[in-house]
Amino acid sequence: HLELNADVTWGEIRVEVLDDTGAVIPRFGLKVCQPVIGDSVRHRVEWEGADLVSLAGTTVKLRFYLQCARLYAFQFQI
């Protein structure tokens, strides 16, 4: 899974997962990403009906959408 260290007290963060050409990977788009809110060093990003395990071994890019938020770091966890 994807974890964020972020302060999202007043807004939200959403994340899209892209393939190596920059196209959004189906089931990992902006509309199905659950908004991340609150202040935490370990926010977990989730998409409706999708799991990042299905992309293991694949090259991906991330696109972050921040609204009134501060993103300090992100990491993939097993």
PDB file of N, CA and C in Angstrom:
ATOM      1  N   HIS A   1       0.816  -1.183   0.000  1.00  0.00           N
ATOM      2  CA  HIS A   1       0.000   0.000   0.000  1.00  0.00           C
ATOM      3  C   HIS A   1       0.862   1.250   0.000  1.00  0.00           C
ATOM      4  N   LEU A   2       0.232   2.364  -0.269  1.00  0.00           N
ATOM      5  CA  LEU A   2       0.905   3.656  -0.335  1.00  0.00           C
ATOM      6  C   LEU A   2       0.588   4.440   0.927  1.00  0.00           C
ATOM      7  N   GLU A   3       1.634   4.937   1.590  1.00  0.00           N
ATOM      8  CA  GLU A   3       1.466   5.746   2.788  1.00  0.00           C
ATOM      9  C   GLU A   3       1.987   7.154   2.543  1.00  0.00           C
ATOM     10  N   LEU A   4       1.295   8.117   3.147  1.00  0.00           N
ATOM     11  CA  LEU A   4       1.683   9.519   3.026  1.00  0.00           C
ATOM     12  C   LEU A   4       1.953  10.110   4.399  1.00  0.00           C
ATOM     13  N   ASN A   5       2.967  10.948   4.467  1.00  0.00           N
ATOM     14  CA  ASN A   5       3.191  11.810   5.617  1.00  0.00           C
ATOM     15  C   ASN A   5       2.687  13.164   5.166  1.00  0.00           C
ATOM     16  N   ALA A   6       1.544  13.595   5.711  1.00  0.00           N
ATOM     17  CA  ALA A   6       0.915  14.814   5.208  1.00  0.00           C
ATOM     18  C   ALA A   6       0.063  15.483   6.269  1.00  0.00           C
ATOM     19  N   ASP A   7      -0.036  16.796   6.148  1.00  0.00           N
ATOM     20  CA  ASP A   7      -0.961  17.581   6.948  1.00  0.00           C
ATOM     21  C   ASP A   7      -2.107  17.986   6.042  1.00  0.00           C
ATOM     22  N   VAL A   8      -3.246  17.367   6.243  1.00  0.00           N
ATOM     23  CA  VAL A   8      -4.419  17.615   5.404  1.00  0.00           C
ATOM     24  C   VAL A   8      -5.581  18.016   6.323  1.00  0.00           C
ATOM     25  N   THR A   9      -5.265  18.878   7.270  1.00  0.00           N
ATOM     26  CA  THR A   9      -6.250  19.295   8.255  1.00  0.00           C
ATOM     27  C   THR A   9      -7.411  20.047   7.616  1.00  0.00           C
ATOM     28  N   TRP A  10      -7.136  20.849   6.610  1.00  0.00           N
ATOM     29  CA  TRP A  10      -8.156  21.726   6.030  1.00  0.00           C
ATOM     30  C   TRP A  10      -8.541  21.374   4.605  1.00  0.00           C
ATOM     31  N   GLY A  11      -8.038  20.307   4.050  1.00  0.00           N
ATOM     32  CA  GLY A  11      -8.343  19.982   2.657  1.00  0.00           C
ATOM     33  C   GLY A  11      -8.354  18.495   2.420  1.00  0.00           C
ATOM     34  N   GLU A  12      -7.761  18.086   1.290  1.00  0.00           N
ATOM     35  CA  GLU A  12      -7.692  16.667   0.958  1.00  0.00           C
ATOM     36  C   GLU A  12      -6.562  16.413  -0.025  1.00  0.00           C
ATOM     37  N   ILE A  13      -6.143  15.162  -0.073  1.00  0.00           N
ATOM     38  CA  ILE A  13      -5.178  14.690  -1.069  1.00  0.00           C
ATOM     39  C   ILE A  13      -5.793  13.470  -1.738  1.00  0.00           C
ATOM     40  N   ARG A  14      -5.649  13.404  -3.051  1.00  0.00           N
ATOM     41  CA  ARG A  14      -6.014  12.218  -3.831  1.00  0.00           C
ATOM     42  C   ARG A  14      -4.824  11.884  -4.721  1.00  0.00           C
ATOM     43  N   VAL A  15      -4.725  10.608  -5.098  1.00  0.00           N
ATOM     44  CA  VAL A  15      -3.579  10.146  -5.874  1.00  0.00           C
ATOM     45  C   VAL A  15      -4.065   9.302  -7.050  1.00  0.00           C
ATOM     46  N   GLU A  16      -3.461   9.539  -8.211  1.00  0.00           N
ATOM     47  CA  GLU A  16      -3.673   8.694  -9.389  1.00  0.00           C
ATOM     48  C   GLU A  16      -2.411   7.886  -9.615  1.00  0.00           C
ATOM     49  N   VAL A  17      -2.570   6.658 -10.074  1.00  0.00           N
ATOM     50  CA  VAL A  17      -1.431   5.816 -10.439  1.00  0.00           C
ATOM     51  C   VAL A  17      -1.407   5.738 -11.959  1.00  0.00           C
ATOM     52  N   LEU A  18      -0.243   6.052 -12.533  1.00  0.00           N
ATOM     53  CA  LEU A  18      -0.075   6.105 -13.984  1.00  0.00           C
ATOM     54  C   LEU A  18       0.886   5.017 -14.443  1.00  0.00           C
ATOM     55  N   ASP A  19       0.717   4.588 -15.701  1.00  0.00           N
ATOM     56  CA  ASP A  19       1.676   3.638 -16.270  1.00  0.00           C
ATOM     57  C   ASP A  19       2.898   4.408 -16.757  1.00  0.00           C
ATOM     58  N   ASP A  20       3.854   3.701 -17.353  1.00  0.00           N
ATOM     59  CA  ASP A  20       5.103   4.350 -17.767  1.00  0.00           C
ATOM     60  C   ASP A  20       4.937   5.338 -18.914  1.00  0.00           C
ATOM     61  N   THR A  21       3.780   5.344 -19.570  1.00  0.00           N
ATOM     62  CA  THR A  21       3.527   6.323 -20.635  1.00  0.00           C
ATOM     63  C   THR A  21       2.779   7.546 -20.111  1.00  0.00           C
ATOM     64  N   GLY A  22       2.362   7.512 -18.834  1.00  0.00           N
ATOM     65  CA  GLY A  22       1.650   8.635 -18.248  1.00  0.00           C
ATOM     66  C   GLY A  22       0.139   8.505 -18.295  1.00  0.00           C
ATOM     67  N   ALA A  23      -0.368   7.363 -18.740  1.00  0.00           N
ATOM     68  CA  ALA A  23      -1.816   7.129 -18.779  1.00  0.00           C
ATOM     69  C   ALA A  23      -2.282   6.578 -17.430  1.00  0.00           C
ATOM     70  N   VAL A  24      -3.457   6.996 -16.997  1.00  0.00           N
ATOM     71  CA  VAL A  24      -4.011   6.513 -15.739  1.00  0.00           C
ATOM     72  C   VAL A  24      -4.314   5.023 -15.858  1.00  0.00           C
ATOM     73  N   ILE A  25      -3.875   4.262 -14.870  1.00  0.00           N
ATOM     74  CA  ILE A  25      -4.147   2.825 -14.842  1.00  0.00           C
ATOM     75  C   ILE A  25      -5.593   2.639 -14.381  1.00  0.00           C
ATOM     76  N   PRO A  26      -6.387   1.866 -15.134  1.00  0.00           N
ATOM     77  CA  PRO A  26      -7.778   1.643 -14.744  1.00  0.00           C
ATOM     78  C   PRO A  26      -7.882   1.169 -13.288  1.00  0.00           C
ATOM     79  N   ARG A  27      -8.873   1.659 -12.575  1.00  0.00           N
ATOM     80  CA  ARG A  27      -9.147   1.378 -11.163  1.00  0.00           C
ATOM     81  C   ARG A  27      -8.252   2.148 -10.210  1.00  0.00           C
ATOM     82  N   PHE A  28      -7.336   2.982 -10.732  1.00  0.00           N
ATOM     83  CA  PHE A  28      -6.458   3.784  -9.881  1.00  0.00           C
ATOM     84  C   PHE A  28      -6.537   5.266 -10.251  1.00  0.00           C
ATOM     85  N   GLY A  29      -7.702   5.696 -10.696  1.00  0.00           N
ATOM     86  CA  GLY A  29      -7.887   7.073 -11.105  1.00  0.00           C
ATOM     87  C   GLY A  29      -8.302   7.980  -9.962  1.00  0.00           C
ATOM     88  N   LEU A  30      -8.387   9.260 -10.273  1.00  0.00           N
ATOM     89  CA  LEU A  30      -8.718  10.291  -9.305  1.00  0.00           C
ATOM     90  C   LEU A  30     -10.102  10.084  -8.690  1.00  0.00           C
ATOM     91  N   LYS A  31     -11.077   9.723  -9.511  1.00  0.00           N
ATOM     92  CA  LYS A  31     -12.459   9.618  -9.030  1.00  0.00           C
ATOM     93  C   LYS A  31     -12.689   8.467  -8.063  1.00  0.00           C
ATOM     94  N   VAL A  32     -11.860   7.426  -8.141  1.00  0.00           N
ATOM     95  CA  VAL A  32     -12.044   6.281  -7.246  1.00  0.00           C
ATOM     96  C   VAL A  32     -11.079   6.278  -6.064  1.00  0.00           C
ATOM     97  N   CYS A  33     -10.234   7.294  -5.982  1.00  0.00           N
ATOM     98  CA  CYS A  33      -9.320   7.421  -4.849  1.00  0.00           C
ATOM     99  C   CYS A  33     -10.080   8.013  -3.664  1.00  0.00           C
ATOM    100  N   GLN A  34      -9.981   7.353  -2.520  1.00  0.00           N
ATOM    101  CA  GLN A  34     -10.603   7.877  -1.308  1.00  0.00           C
ATOM    102  C   GLN A  34      -9.801   9.097  -0.843  1.00  0.00           C
ATOM    103  N   PRO A  35     -10.460  10.213  -0.535  1.00  0.00           N
ATOM    104  CA  PRO A  35      -9.711  11.394  -0.114  1.00  0.00           C
ATOM    105  C   PRO A  35      -8.981  11.156   1.207  1.00  0.00           C
ATOM    106  N   VAL A  36      -7.743  11.624   1.257  1.00  0.00           N
ATOM    107  CA  VAL A  36      -6.942  11.562   2.470  1.00  0.00           C
ATOM    108  C   VAL A  36      -7.178  12.865   3.217  1.00  0.00           C
ATOM    109  N   ILE A  37      -7.548  12.761   4.492  1.00  0.00           N
ATOM    110  CA  ILE A  37      -7.778  13.946   5.310  1.00  0.00           C
ATOM    111  C   ILE A  37      -7.143  13.755   6.679  1.00  0.00           C
ATOM    112  N   GLY A  38      -6.905  14.848   7.381  1.00  0.00           N
ATOM    113  CA  GLY A  38      -6.324  14.793   8.712  1.00  0.00           C
ATOM    114  C   GLY A  38      -4.830  15.030   8.690  1.00  0.00           C
ATOM    115  N   ASP A  39      -4.210  14.903   9.851  1.00  0.00           N
ATOM    116  CA  ASP A  39      -2.772  15.126  10.006  1.00  0.00           C
ATOM    117  C   ASP A  39      -2.152  13.844  10.532  1.00  0.00           C
ATOM    118  N   SER A  40      -1.312  13.207   9.723  1.00  0.00           N
ATOM    119  CA  SER A  40      -0.713  11.935  10.122  1.00  0.00           C
ATOM    120  C   SER A  40       0.587  11.698   9.364  1.00  0.00           C
ATOM    121  N   VAL A  41       1.465  10.927   9.955  1.00  0.00           N
ATOM    122  CA  VAL A  41       2.690  10.531   9.264  1.00  0.00           C
ATOM    123  C   VAL A  41       2.496   9.221   8.507  1.00  0.00           C
ATOM    124  N   ARG A  42       1.303   8.595   8.647  1.00  0.00           N
ATOM    125  CA  ARG A  42       1.056   7.307   7.997  1.00  0.00           C
ATOM    126  C   ARG A  42      -0.358   7.209   7.425  1.00  0.00           C
ATOM    127  N   HIS A  43      -0.760   8.207   6.649  1.00  0.00           N
ATOM    128  CA  HIS A  43      -2.037   8.099   5.937  1.00  0.00           C
ATOM    129  C   HIS A  43      -1.934   6.942   4.948  1.00  0.00           C
ATOM    130  N   ARG A  44      -2.979   6.172   4.815  1.00  0.00           N
ATOM    131  CA  ARG A  44      -2.999   5.078   3.835  1.00  0.00           C
ATOM    132  C   ARG A  44      -3.910   5.488   2.676  1.00  0.00           C
ATOM    133  N   VAL A  45      -3.370   5.467   1.466  1.00  0.00           N
ATOM    134  CA  VAL A  45      -4.151   5.825   0.277  1.00  0.00           C
ATOM    135  C   VAL A  45      -4.872   4.578  -0.223  1.00  0.00           C
ATOM    136  N   GLU A  46      -6.180   4.731  -0.509  1.00  0.00           N
ATOM    137  CA  GLU A  46      -6.969   3.598  -0.972  1.00  0.00           C
ATOM    138  C   GLU A  46      -7.816   3.998  -2.172  1.00  0.00           C
ATOM    139  N   TRP A  47      -8.012   3.038  -3.062  1.00  0.00           N
ATOM    140  CA  TRP A  47      -8.858   3.207  -4.235  1.00  0.00           C
ATOM    141  C   TRP A  47     -10.000   2.208  -4.122  1.00  0.00           C
ATOM    142  N   GLU A  48     -11.198   2.609  -4.524  1.00  0.00           N
ATOM    143  CA  GLU A  48     -12.370   1.729  -4.450  1.00  0.00           C
ATOM    144  C   GLU A  48     -12.166   0.485  -5.318  1.00  0.00           C
ATOM    145  N   GLY A  49     -12.181  -0.671  -4.705  1.00  0.00           N
ATOM    146  CA  GLY A  49     -12.111  -1.925  -5.433  1.00  0.00           C
ATOM    147  C   GLY A  49     -10.776  -2.232  -6.085  1.00  0.00           C
ATOM    148  N   ALA A  50      -9.693  -1.589  -5.644  1.00  0.00           N
ATOM    149  CA  ALA A  50      -8.382  -1.844  -6.253  1.00  0.00           C
ATOM    150  C   ALA A  50      -7.318  -1.952  -5.160  1.00  0.00           C
ATOM    151  N   ASP A  51      -6.298  -2.742  -5.435  1.00  0.00           N
ATOM    152  CA  ASP A  51      -5.213  -2.946  -4.489  1.00  0.00           C
ATOM    153  C   ASP A  51      -3.890  -2.823  -5.242  1.00  0.00           C
ATOM    154  N   LEU A  52      -2.947  -2.086  -4.687  1.00  0.00           N
ATOM    155  CA  LEU A  52      -1.657  -1.887  -5.346  1.00  0.00           C
ATOM    156  C   LEU A  52      -0.876  -3.185  -5.531  1.00  0.00           C
ATOM    157  N   VAL A  53      -1.208  -4.223  -4.788  1.00  0.00           N
ATOM    158  CA  VAL A  53      -0.518  -5.511  -4.946  1.00  0.00           C
ATOM    159  C   VAL A  53      -0.628  -5.995  -6.386  1.00  0.00           C
ATOM    160  N   SER A  54      -1.736  -5.680  -7.046  1.00  0.00           N
ATOM    161  CA  SER A  54      -1.921  -6.112  -8.434  1.00  0.00           C
ATOM    162  C   SER A  54      -0.920  -5.470  -9.383  1.00  0.00           C
ATOM    163  N   LEU A  55      -0.235  -4.411  -8.932  1.00  0.00           N
ATOM    164  CA  LEU A  55       0.742  -3.717  -9.779  1.00  0.00           C
ATOM    165  C   LEU A  55       2.188  -4.055  -9.410  1.00  0.00           C
ATOM    166  N   ALA A  56       2.389  -5.008  -8.514  1.00  0.00           N
ATOM    167  CA  ALA A  56       3.741  -5.382  -8.084  1.00  0.00           C
ATOM    168  C   ALA A  56       4.598  -5.751  -9.291  1.00  0.00           C
ATOM    169  N   GLY A  57       5.805  -5.214  -9.325  1.00  0.00           N
ATOM    170  CA  GLY A  57       6.730  -5.485 -10.412  1.00  0.00           C
ATOM    171  C   GLY A  57       6.521  -4.617 -11.636  1.00  0.00           C
ATOM    172  N   THR A  58       5.562  -3.721 -11.584  1.00  0.00           N
ATOM    173  CA  THR A  58       5.249  -2.836 -12.704  1.00  0.00           C
ATOM    174  C   THR A  58       5.810  -1.443 -12.433  1.00  0.00           C
ATOM    175  N   THR A  59       6.320  -0.795 -13.468  1.00  0.00           N
ATOM    176  CA  THR A  59       6.771   0.585 -13.328  1.00  0.00           C
ATOM    177  C   THR A  59       5.547   1.496 -13.306  1.00  0.00           C
ATOM    178  N   VAL A  60       5.465   2.340 -12.282  1.00  0.00           N
ATOM    179  CA  VAL A  60       4.343   3.261 -12.168  1.00  0.00           C
ATOM    180  C   VAL A  60       4.839   4.664 -11.850  1.00  0.00           C
ATOM    181  N   LYS A  61       3.977   5.629 -12.121  1.00  0.00           N
ATOM    182  CA  LYS A  61       4.185   7.021 -11.722  1.00  0.00           C
ATOM    183  C   LYS A  61       3.002   7.406 -10.858  1.00  0.00           C
ATOM    184  N   LEU A  62       3.202   8.375  -9.984  1.00  0.00           N
ATOM    185  CA  LEU A  62       2.122   8.851  -9.129  1.00  0.00           C
ATOM    186  C   LEU A  62       1.835  10.314  -9.452  1.00  0.00           C
ATOM    187  N   ARG A  63       0.562  10.657  -9.472  1.00  0.00           N
ATOM    188  CA  ARG A  63       0.153  12.054  -9.645  1.00  0.00           C
ATOM    189  C   ARG A  63      -0.665  12.427  -8.411  1.00  0.00           C
ATOM    190  N   PHE A  64      -0.173  13.427  -7.676  1.00  0.00           N
ATOM    191  CA  PHE A  64      -0.814  13.855  -6.445  1.00  0.00           C
ATOM    192  C   PHE A  64      -1.658  15.097  -6.704  1.00  0.00           C
ATOM    193  N   TYR A  65      -2.864  15.100  -6.152  1.00  0.00           N
ATOM    194  CA  TYR A  65      -3.754  16.258  -6.200  1.00  0.00           C
ATOM    195  C   TYR A  65      -3.922  16.749  -4.770  1.00  0.00           C
ATOM    196  N   LEU A  66      -3.410  17.942  -4.489  1.00  0.00           N
ATOM    197  CA  LEU A  66      -3.475  18.504  -3.151  1.00  0.00           C
ATOM    198  C   LEU A  66      -4.395  19.709  -3.145  1.00  0.00           C
ATOM    199  N   GLN A  67      -5.262  19.749  -2.162  1.00  0.00           N
ATOM    200  CA  GLN A  67      -6.138  20.893  -1.970  1.00  0.00           C
ATOM    201  C   GLN A  67      -5.984  21.312  -0.504  1.00  0.00           C
ATOM    202  N   CYS A  68      -5.400  22.488  -0.290  1.00  0.00           N
ATOM    203  CA  CYS A  68      -5.163  22.993   1.074  1.00  0.00           C
ATOM    204  C   CYS A  68      -4.456  21.930   1.914  1.00  0.00           C
ATOM    205  N   ALA A  69      -3.355  21.382   1.400  1.00  0.00           N
ATOM    206  CA  ALA A  69      -2.651  20.288   2.070  1.00  0.00           C
ATOM    207  C   ALA A  69      -1.146  20.446   1.909  1.00  0.00           C
ATOM    208  N   ARG A  70      -0.428  19.776   2.794  1.00  0.00           N
ATOM    209  CA  ARG A  70       1.034  19.727   2.727  1.00  0.00           C
ATOM    210  C   ARG A  70       1.461  18.265   2.707  1.00  0.00           C
ATOM    211  N   LEU A  71       2.182  17.890   1.660  1.00  0.00           N
ATOM    212  CA  LEU A  71       2.695  16.528   1.524  1.00  0.00           C
ATOM    213  C   LEU A  71       4.181  16.564   1.818  1.00  0.00           C
ATOM    214  N   TYR A  72       4.609  15.818   2.829  1.00  0.00           N
ATOM    215  CA  TYR A  72       6.003  15.819   3.227  1.00  0.00           C
ATOM    216  C   TYR A  72       6.775  14.621   2.675  1.00  0.00           C
ATOM    217  N   ALA A  73       6.139  13.471   2.601  1.00  0.00           N
ATOM    218  CA  ALA A  73       6.816  12.268   2.112  1.00  0.00           C
ATOM    219  C   ALA A  73       5.790  11.205   1.758  1.00  0.00           C
ATOM    220  N   PHE A  74       6.229  10.242   0.935  1.00  0.00           N
ATOM    221  CA  PHE A  74       5.379   9.087   0.637  1.00  0.00           C
ATOM    222  C   PHE A  74       6.255   7.863   0.504  1.00  0.00           C
ATOM    223  N   GLN A  75       5.665   6.697   0.745  1.00  0.00           N
ATOM    224  CA  GLN A  75       6.403   5.449   0.629  1.00  0.00           C
ATOM    225  C   GLN A  75       5.444   4.296   0.355  1.00  0.00           C
ATOM    226  N   PHE A  76       5.970   3.274  -0.294  1.00  0.00           N
ATOM    227  CA  PHE A  76       5.209   2.046  -0.497  1.00  0.00           C
ATOM    228  C   PHE A  76       5.572   1.088   0.639  1.00  0.00           C
ATOM    229  N   GLN A  77       4.565   0.447   1.213  1.00  0.00           N
ATOM    230  CA  GLN A  77       4.752  -0.523   2.293  1.00  0.00           C
ATOM    231  C   GLN A  77       4.210  -1.866   1.862  1.00  0.00           C
ATOM    232  N   ILE A  78       4.825  -2.913   2.345  1.00  0.00           N
ATOM    233  CA  ILE A  78       4.371  -4.279   2.050  1.00  0.00           C
ATOM    234  C   ILE A  78       3.379  -4.703   3.111  1.00  0.00           C
TER     235      ILE A  78
END
